[in-house]
Amino acid sequence: MKLLLKWLLSAAALLCVAYLYSGVVVSSFGAALVAAFVIGLFNMVLRPVLVLLTLPVTLVTLGLFLFVINALMFWSAAGILEGFYVRDFYAALLGSLIYSLLGLLIDSAFDRK
């Protein structure tokens, strides 16, 4: 039940990102649900591999390259889905930052309960 609620809140966060920033477009709540699932899947499967492969660059940039990895995953999720559009890399960077901040709020709300 907790996983389902977190997924629904992540989709709502994605809709909030689209509302706050014009570089990200989500056509419907259904599209947001699918996009939240795909982004979560990318974070679970691809992110650890990318972090490991780019570890030297991440160390040299003092961890700032992790923002690039998040933006690339956000942008690639938009590239394979219908109803979820990100204008360019910079829009993906800002959109992923907003989405991550909203995700932190969701996680902290679950940690309190």
Protein backbone atom coordinates (compact mmCIF):
# COMPACT_ATOMS: atom_id res chain seq x y z
CA MET A 1 0.00 0.00 0.00
CA LYS A 2 2.86 2.36 0.85
CA LEU A 3 4.49 1.74 -2.55
CA LEU A 4 1.25 2.48 -4.38
CA LEU A 5 0.73 5.72 -2.48
CA LYS A 6 4.31 6.77 -3.12
CA TRP A 7 3.85 6.07 -6.84
CA LEU A 8 0.67 8.17 -6.94
CA LEU A 9 2.41 11.02 -5.11
CA SER A 10 5.38 10.82 -7.48
CA ALA A 11 2.99 11.13 -10.43
CA ALA A 12 1.39 14.14 -8.74
CA ALA A 13 4.88 15.59 -8.22
CA LEU A 14 5.56 15.16 -11.93
CA LEU A 15 2.36 17.04 -12.72
CA CYS A 16 3.50 19.73 -10.30
CA VAL A 17 6.82 20.00 -12.16
CA ALA A 18 4.92 20.45 -15.42
CA TYR A 19 2.76 23.13 -13.80
CA LEU A 20 5.70 25.02 -12.30
CA TYR A 21 8.05 24.82 -15.28
CA SER A 22 7.08 25.22 -18.92
CA GLY A 23 10.00 23.12 -20.21
CA VAL A 24 8.28 19.95 -18.99
CA VAL A 25 4.89 18.91 -20.37
CA VAL A 26 2.71 16.09 -19.05
CA SER A 27 -0.51 15.51 -20.97
CA SER A 28 -2.54 13.66 -18.32
CA PHE A 29 -2.41 11.97 -14.94
CA GLY A 30 -2.17 8.59 -16.69
CA ALA A 31 0.89 9.77 -18.56
CA ALA A 32 2.33 11.04 -15.27
CA LEU A 33 1.75 7.62 -13.68
CA VAL A 34 3.61 5.86 -16.48
CA ALA A 35 6.39 8.47 -16.46
CA ALA A 36 6.81 8.20 -12.68
CA PHE A 37 7.05 4.42 -13.02
CA VAL A 38 9.66 4.64 -15.80
CA ILE A 39 11.71 7.27 -13.95
CA GLY A 40 11.61 5.10 -10.83
CA LEU A 41 12.65 2.07 -12.87
CA PHE A 42 15.55 4.02 -14.41
CA ASN A 43 16.62 5.18 -10.94
CA MET A 44 16.56 1.61 -9.68
CA VAL A 45 18.28 -0.09 -12.63
CA LEU A 46 20.33 2.40 -14.66
CA ARG A 47 21.40 4.95 -12.06
CA PRO A 48 23.72 2.64 -10.06
CA VAL A 49 25.45 1.51 -13.27
CA LEU A 50 25.86 5.08 -14.53
CA VAL A 51 27.15 6.28 -11.16
CA LEU A 52 29.71 3.49 -11.12
CA LEU A 53 30.82 4.13 -14.71
CA THR A 54 31.15 7.87 -14.18
CA LEU A 55 32.76 7.71 -10.75
CA PRO A 56 36.01 9.46 -11.81
CA VAL A 57 34.09 12.36 -13.35
CA THR A 58 31.81 12.53 -10.32
CA LEU A 59 34.81 12.71 -7.98
CA VAL A 60 36.51 15.43 -10.04
CA THR A 61 33.33 17.54 -10.08
CA LEU A 62 32.74 16.91 -6.36
CA GLY A 63 29.48 15.09 -7.03
CA LEU A 64 27.93 17.68 -9.34
CA PHE A 65 27.95 15.22 -12.23
CA LEU A 66 25.17 13.33 -10.44
CA PHE A 67 22.85 16.17 -11.47
CA VAL A 68 23.76 15.44 -15.09
CA ILE A 69 22.98 11.74 -14.61
CA ASN A 70 19.57 12.60 -13.10
CA ALA A 71 18.82 14.98 -15.95
CA LEU A 72 19.78 12.39 -18.57
CA MET A 73 17.49 9.79 -17.00
CA PHE A 74 14.64 12.31 -16.79
CA TRP A 75 15.19 13.32 -20.41
CA SER A 76 15.48 9.73 -21.65
CA ALA A 77 12.23 8.79 -19.91
CA ALA A 78 10.56 11.63 -21.78
CA GLY A 79 12.13 10.42 -25.00
CA ILE A 80 10.54 6.97 -24.85
CA LEU A 81 7.10 7.93 -23.52
CA GLU A 82 4.07 9.49 -25.14
CA GLY A 83 2.42 12.29 -23.19
CA PHE A 84 5.60 13.27 -21.34
CA TYR A 85 7.77 15.85 -23.06
CA VAL A 86 10.95 17.66 -21.99
CA ARG A 87 12.13 20.48 -24.24
CA ASP A 88 15.93 20.04 -24.01
CA PHE A 89 18.75 19.06 -21.67
CA TYR A 90 18.54 22.24 -19.60
CA ALA A 91 14.82 21.73 -19.15
CA ALA A 92 15.56 18.17 -18.07
CA LEU A 93 18.15 19.44 -15.60
CA LEU A 94 15.78 21.93 -14.00
CA GLY A 95 12.82 19.55 -14.19
CA SER A 96 14.79 16.75 -12.54
CA LEU A 97 15.93 19.12 -9.78
CA ILE A 98 12.35 20.15 -9.02
CA TYR A 99 11.17 16.53 -9.22
CA SER A 100 13.96 15.43 -6.87
CA LEU A 101 13.07 18.13 -4.35
CA LEU A 102 9.44 17.09 -4.43
CA GLY A 103 10.54 13.47 -4.07
CA LEU A 104 12.53 14.42 -0.97
CA LEU A 105 9.41 16.01 0.49
CA ILE A 106 7.42 12.85 -0.24
CA ASP A 107 10.10 10.64 1.32
CA SER A 108 10.32 12.81 4.44
CA ALA A 109 6.55 12.67 4.83
CA PHE A 110 6.69 8.86 4.68
CA ASP A 111 9.57 8.75 7.16
CA ARG A 112 7.54 10.72 9.71
CA LYS A 113 4.69 8.20 9.66
